[in-house]
Amino acid sequence: MKNTLLIIAMLAIGLVANAQVQTPQPSPAASVSTVVGLTDVKIDYSRPSAKGRKIFGEGAVLLPYGAIWRTGANSGTKITFSDDVKVEGTSVPKGEYLIFSWPGATEWTVSLYKDIAIGGNTGDYDKTKEAANFKVKSEKLTEKVETLTINIGDIAADSKTAKVQIAWENTSVKFTIAVDYDAKVMKSIEASTKVNPNNYFNAAVYYLENGKDLKKALEWVNIAAESNPTAFWIMYQKARIQKGLGDKAGALATSKASWEAAKAANNRDYQIMNEDLQKSLK
């Protein structure tokens, strides 16, 4: 009985010793991620708040112009790329990097730093470990941003670029990430069309949208059409390819067939798309 009580007492002491008081963090952790093209981009950072302080500028400010900043709080801000990218025109291999910055009145210097082990310790900064160093214009915001906010947005229509925005107080800066997914798509086309003939349709559309060999695109879309001859969406893309090849008569005939099939399927969207396509062929 005594041994049992002793064990219970020791466990209780251990629990008390390991217990910690949890309170809200002054600079809570955050992350933002998205896919640009076929590349995963993720940013992990800590978010300080202004709390009545003047953040950027000269004199009595938190972050004086020209001084190095970890671009966040605590261990700094980390950005991760799943593929090689270009950042403001500089080639950056896939991997993890810290974001350091030097705010200015109208322009910031920003760097991506290879040695993530230094965290937010700006005193250990070594310029030889930079993966990229570039300048970007700053903008004044009309509405105050109380808490540091980093976003990934402005993704281009072709998904080849996006912008990282750093916004705090009344200041915003953006830098551009550019990706190259063509080689990955071409490799995927080669592999996937051998496994599933339906993938020929996606391959044909990719060739059409990216200005590649339209004769090959027509060959592939015909293979896709053979397995699904009433698919109005396949016929529509085939008509676009024929138009690109200069075969207006063939494109018109294919588009009309697509329109009829879309009507039978009660799909008004493709009817309208084919009507617009046919107008462009006259």
Protein backbone atom coordinates (compact mmCIF):
# COMPACT_ATOMS: atom_id res chain seq x y z
CA MET A 1 0.00 0.00 0.00
CA LYS A 2 2.82 2.35 0.92
CA ASN A 3 4.59 1.61 -2.38
CA THR A 4 1.42 2.40 -4.31
CA LEU A 5 0.98 5.72 -2.52
CA LEU A 6 4.63 6.56 -3.15
CA ILE A 7 4.26 5.89 -6.90
CA ILE A 8 1.12 8.05 -7.07
CA ALA A 9 2.88 10.87 -5.23
CA MET A 10 5.90 10.72 -7.58
CA LEU A 11 3.64 10.83 -10.63
CA ALA A 12 1.78 13.84 -9.22
CA ILE A 13 5.06 15.66 -8.58
CA GLY A 14 6.19 14.90 -12.13
CA LEU A 15 2.99 16.27 -13.62
CA VAL A 16 3.27 19.47 -11.59
CA ALA A 17 6.93 19.89 -12.60
CA ASN A 18 6.09 19.51 -16.30
CA ALA A 19 3.01 21.72 -16.24
CA GLN A 20 3.38 25.11 -17.92
CA VAL A 21 1.24 28.20 -17.86
CA GLN A 22 -0.01 28.92 -21.36
CA THR A 23 -0.65 32.52 -22.39
CA PRO A 24 -1.20 34.16 -25.79
CA GLN A 25 2.04 34.85 -27.66
CA PRO A 26 2.83 38.50 -28.44
CA SER A 27 3.93 37.47 -31.96
CA PRO A 28 1.87 34.40 -32.91
CA ALA A 29 3.14 31.91 -35.47
CA ALA A 30 1.57 31.89 -38.93
CA SER A 31 2.05 30.27 -42.30
CA VAL A 32 0.82 30.86 -45.82
CA SER A 33 1.21 28.53 -48.78
CA THR A 34 0.06 28.12 -52.35
CA VAL A 35 0.95 26.38 -55.58
CA VAL A 36 2.43 28.52 -58.34
CA GLY A 37 2.37 26.55 -61.57
CA LEU A 38 3.44 23.18 -60.19
CA THR A 39 5.67 24.56 -57.43
CA ASP A 40 4.73 24.58 -53.73
CA VAL A 41 5.59 27.88 -52.06
CA LYS A 42 5.27 28.18 -48.29
CA ILE A 43 6.14 30.94 -45.83
CA ASP A 44 6.39 30.43 -42.05
CA TYR A 45 6.71 33.51 -39.86
CA SER A 46 5.82 35.16 -36.56
CA ARG A 47 3.48 38.17 -36.55
CA PRO A 48 4.34 41.15 -34.32
CA SER A 49 1.78 43.94 -33.87
CA ALA A 50 2.38 47.69 -33.92
CA LYS A 51 0.75 48.33 -30.50
CA GLY A 52 0.95 52.09 -30.92
CA ARG A 53 4.60 52.09 -31.98
CA LYS A 54 5.99 53.81 -35.06
CA ILE A 55 7.42 50.93 -37.11
CA PHE A 56 9.40 52.20 -40.11
CA GLY A 57 11.25 55.48 -40.50
CA GLU A 58 13.92 57.58 -38.83
CA GLY A 59 14.43 58.62 -35.24
CA ALA A 60 12.31 56.94 -32.55
CA VAL A 61 11.06 53.98 -34.57
CA LEU A 62 11.10 50.21 -34.15
CA LEU A 63 12.82 49.54 -37.50
CA PRO A 64 15.07 52.35 -38.71
CA TYR A 65 15.58 52.79 -42.44
CA GLY A 66 18.66 50.92 -43.66
CA ALA A 67 18.88 48.55 -40.68
CA ILE A 68 18.70 44.78 -41.19
CA TRP A 69 15.41 43.16 -40.13
CA ARG A 70 14.50 39.49 -39.76
CA THR A 71 11.21 40.34 -41.51
CA GLY A 72 9.11 39.07 -38.65
CA ALA A 73 9.59 38.16 -35.01
CA ASN A 74 11.11 35.30 -33.01
CA SER A 75 13.13 33.04 -35.34
CA GLY A 76 12.53 35.16 -38.41
CA THR A 77 10.68 34.29 -41.59
CA LYS A 78 11.31 31.17 -43.67
CA ILE A 79 10.27 30.64 -47.29
CA THR A 80 10.31 27.20 -48.94
CA PHE A 81 10.25 26.26 -52.64
CA SER A 82 9.58 22.71 -53.85
CA ASP A 83 11.29 23.42 -57.19
CA ASP A 84 13.94 25.73 -58.57
CA VAL A 85 12.52 29.24 -59.06
CA LYS A 86 13.56 32.76 -59.98
CA VAL A 87 13.09 35.52 -57.42
CA GLU A 88 13.19 39.01 -58.93
CA GLY A 89 15.16 37.52 -61.83
CA THR A 90 17.71 35.63 -59.71
CA SER A 91 17.80 31.83 -59.99
CA VAL A 92 17.16 30.22 -56.60
CA PRO A 93 17.45 26.43 -56.11
CA LYS A 94 14.61 24.58 -54.40
CA GLY A 95 14.89 24.52 -50.63
CA GLU A 96 14.40 26.62 -47.48
CA TYR A 97 15.57 30.19 -47.00
CA LEU A 98 15.28 32.96 -44.46
CA ILE A 99 13.94 36.32 -45.62
CA PHE A 100 15.96 39.31 -44.43
CA SER A 101 15.19 42.90 -45.37
CA TRP A 102 16.51 46.44 -45.06
CA PRO A 103 13.50 48.80 -45.15
CA GLY A 104 13.85 52.20 -46.80
CA ALA A 105 11.68 55.24 -47.41
CA THR A 106 10.86 54.34 -51.03
CA GLU A 107 12.84 51.14 -51.61
CA TRP A 108 13.70 48.01 -49.66
CA THR A 109 16.59 45.62 -50.03
CA VAL A 110 15.50 42.00 -49.56
CA SER A 111 17.60 38.86 -49.41
CA LEU A 112 16.99 35.13 -49.31
CA TYR A 113 19.50 33.54 -46.95
CA LYS A 114 20.76 29.96 -47.21
CA ASP A 115 21.71 29.25 -43.59
CA ILE A 116 18.34 28.92 -41.83
CA ALA A 117 20.12 27.83 -38.63
CA ILE A 118 20.81 31.45 -37.64
CA GLY A 119 17.05 32.05 -37.31
CA GLY A 120 16.38 35.67 -36.42
CA ASN A 121 19.95 36.38 -35.28
CA THR A 122 20.82 39.25 -37.61
CA GLY A 123 24.22 39.66 -35.94
CA ASP A 124 25.41 36.42 -37.57
CA TYR A 125 24.40 37.53 -41.08
CA ASP A 126 27.02 36.54 -43.67
CA LYS A 127 26.60 38.07 -47.11
CA THR A 128 28.40 35.14 -48.74
CA LYS A 129 25.44 32.92 -47.76
CA GLU A 130 22.87 34.88 -49.74
CA ALA A 131 20.91 33.00 -52.38
CA ALA A 132 19.46 36.25 -53.73
CA ASN A 133 19.68 39.96 -52.97
CA PHE A 134 17.42 42.46 -54.70
CA LYS A 135 15.68 45.81 -54.36
CA VAL A 136 11.93 46.42 -54.52
CA LYS A 137 9.85 49.58 -54.35
CA SER A 138 7.75 50.21 -51.25
CA GLU A 139 4.18 51.49 -51.33
CA LYS A 140 2.17 53.48 -48.82
CA LEU A 141 -1.07 51.86 -47.72
CA THR A 142 -4.27 53.83 -47.22
CA GLU A 143 -5.34 51.60 -44.32
CA LYS A 144 -3.12 50.68 -41.41
CA VAL A 145 -2.04 47.04 -41.01
CA GLU A 146 -1.78 46.52 -37.25
CA THR A 147 -0.21 43.06 -37.40
CA LEU A 148 2.57 42.06 -39.79
CA THR A 149 0.97 40.21 -42.70
CA ILE A 150 2.73 38.23 -45.44
CA ASN A 151 0.75 36.97 -48.41
CA ILE A 152 1.37 35.10 -51.65
CA GLY A 153 -0.88 36.49 -54.36
CA ASP A 154 -1.10 38.16 -57.77
CA ILE A 155 -0.78 34.75 -59.45
CA ALA A 156 -0.53 35.30 -63.21
CA ALA A 157 -3.16 33.87 -65.58
CA ASP A 158 -0.60 31.39 -66.89
CA SER A 159 0.49 30.49 -63.32
CA LYS A 160 4.10 31.32 -64.15
CA THR A 161 4.55 34.10 -61.57
CA ALA A 162 3.26 35.21 -58.19
CA LYS A 163 4.12 37.97 -55.75
CA VAL A 164 5.02 37.80 -52.08
CA GLN A 165 3.66 40.81 -50.20
CA ILE A 166 5.02 42.05 -46.87
CA ALA A 167 2.65 44.54 -45.23
CA TRP A 168 2.89 46.26 -41.87
CA GLU A 169 1.81 49.59 -40.47
CA ASN A 170 1.29 51.75 -43.59
CA THR A 171 3.94 50.12 -45.78
CA SER A 172 3.81 47.33 -48.36
CA VAL A 173 6.48 45.74 -50.53
CA LYS A 174 6.17 42.95 -53.07
CA PHE A 175 8.67 40.70 -54.80
CA THR A 176 8.10 38.34 -57.72
CA ILE A 177 8.55 34.57 -57.83
CA ALA A 178 8.75 33.02 -61.30
CA VAL A 179 8.42 29.29 -61.95
CA ASP A 180 9.11 27.08 -64.98
CA TYR A 181 6.81 24.09 -65.16
CA ASP A 182 7.16 23.26 -68.86
CA ALA A 183 9.79 20.55 -68.47
CA LYS A 184 7.75 18.90 -65.72
CA VAL A 185 4.57 19.00 -67.83
CA MET A 186 6.35 17.59 -70.89
CA LYS A 187 7.72 14.72 -68.83
CA SER A 188 4.24 14.11 -67.40
CA ILE A 189 2.71 14.07 -70.90
CA GLU A 190 5.22 11.50 -72.06
CA ALA A 191 4.57 9.24 -69.07
CA SER A 192 0.82 9.66 -68.59
CA THR A 193 -0.30 9.24 -72.20
CA LYS A 194 1.27 5.80 -72.20
CA VAL A 195 -0.85 4.84 -69.20
CA ASN A 196 -4.17 6.53 -70.00
CA PRO A 197 -5.19 7.60 -73.54
CA ASN A 198 -7.61 10.15 -72.04
CA ASN A 199 -4.58 12.20 -71.06
CA TYR A 200 -4.02 13.01 -74.72
CA PHE A 201 -6.75 15.62 -74.43
CA ASN A 202 -4.97 17.49 -71.62
CA ALA A 203 -1.70 17.23 -73.54
CA ALA A 204 -3.33 18.67 -76.67
CA VAL A 205 -4.81 21.62 -74.75
CA TYR A 206 -1.45 22.30 -73.10
CA TYR A 207 0.23 22.43 -76.50
CA LEU A 208 -2.49 24.76 -77.79
CA GLU A 209 -2.34 27.13 -74.81
CA ASN A 210 1.46 27.31 -74.79
CA GLY A 211 2.17 27.79 -78.50
CA LYS A 212 3.72 24.38 -79.11
CA ASP A 213 3.40 22.01 -82.08
CA LEU A 214 -0.26 22.27 -83.17
CA LYS A 215 0.06 19.35 -85.58
CA LYS A 216 0.99 17.15 -82.64
CA ALA A 217 -1.85 18.73 -80.64
CA LEU A 218 -4.32 17.83 -83.42
CA GLU A 219 -3.01 14.28 -83.47
CA TRP A 220 -3.53 13.96 -79.74
CA VAL A 221 -6.99 15.57 -79.66
CA ASN A 222 -8.10 13.17 -82.41
CA ILE A 223 -6.99 10.23 -80.27
CA ALA A 224 -9.02 11.66 -77.38
CA ALA A 225 -12.04 12.17 -79.63
CA GLU A 226 -11.94 8.55 -80.85
CA SER A 227 -12.58 7.29 -77.31
CA ASN A 228 -15.35 9.86 -76.67
CA PRO A 229 -16.85 10.99 -80.00
CA THR A 230 -19.76 12.97 -78.47
CA ALA A 231 -17.64 14.97 -76.01
CA PHE A 232 -18.44 18.57 -76.93
CA TRP A 233 -15.52 19.89 -74.84
CA ILE A 234 -13.06 17.80 -76.84
CA MET A 235 -14.57 18.92 -80.15
CA TYR A 236 -14.40 22.54 -79.03
CA GLN A 237 -10.68 22.34 -78.33
CA LYS A 238 -10.14 20.49 -81.59
CA ALA A 239 -11.84 23.37 -83.43
CA ARG A 240 -9.51 25.83 -81.71
CA ILE A 241 -6.50 23.77 -82.76
CA GLN A 242 -7.77 23.61 -86.34
CA LYS A 243 -8.20 27.37 -86.30
CA GLY A 244 -4.62 27.75 -85.09
CA LEU A 245 -3.47 25.59 -88.00
CA GLY A 246 -5.32 27.82 -90.45
CA ASP A 247 -8.03 25.25 -91.26
CA LYS A 248 -11.04 27.56 -90.88
CA ALA A 249 -13.43 25.23 -92.75
CA GLY A 250 -12.47 22.27 -90.57
CA ALA A 251 -12.66 24.39 -87.41
CA LEU A 252 -16.13 25.65 -88.34
CA ALA A 253 -17.44 22.14 -88.99
CA THR A 254 -15.98 20.81 -85.73
CA SER A 255 -17.32 23.78 -83.76
CA LYS A 256 -20.81 23.27 -85.16
CA ALA A 257 -20.68 19.60 -84.15
CA SER A 258 -19.53 20.66 -80.68
CA TRP A 259 -22.41 23.16 -80.45
CA GLU A 260 -24.96 20.46 -81.37
CA ALA A 261 -23.52 18.06 -78.80
CA ALA A 262 -23.51 20.80 -76.13
CA LYS A 263 -27.13 21.60 -76.93
CA ALA A 264 -28.09 17.93 -76.59
CA ALA A 265 -26.33 17.90 -73.20
CA ASN A 266 -28.08 21.15 -72.21
CA ASN A 267 -24.72 22.86 -71.69
CA ARG A 268 -25.25 26.52 -72.48
CA ASP A 269 -21.66 27.52 -71.65
CA TYR A 270 -20.17 25.50 -74.50
CA GLN A 271 -22.89 26.65 -76.85
CA ILE A 272 -21.86 30.26 -76.19
CA MET A 273 -18.16 29.42 -76.47
CA ASN A 274 -18.75 27.75 -79.85
CA GLU A 275 -20.88 30.65 -81.07
CA ASP A 276 -18.03 33.05 -80.24
CA LEU A 277 -15.52 30.75 -81.93
CA GLN A 278 -17.64 30.52 -85.08
CA LYS A 279 -17.91 34.34 -85.27
CA SER A 280 -14.11 34.55 -85.21
CA LEU A 281 -13.92 32.15 -88.17
CA LYS A 282 -15.98 34.34 -90.51
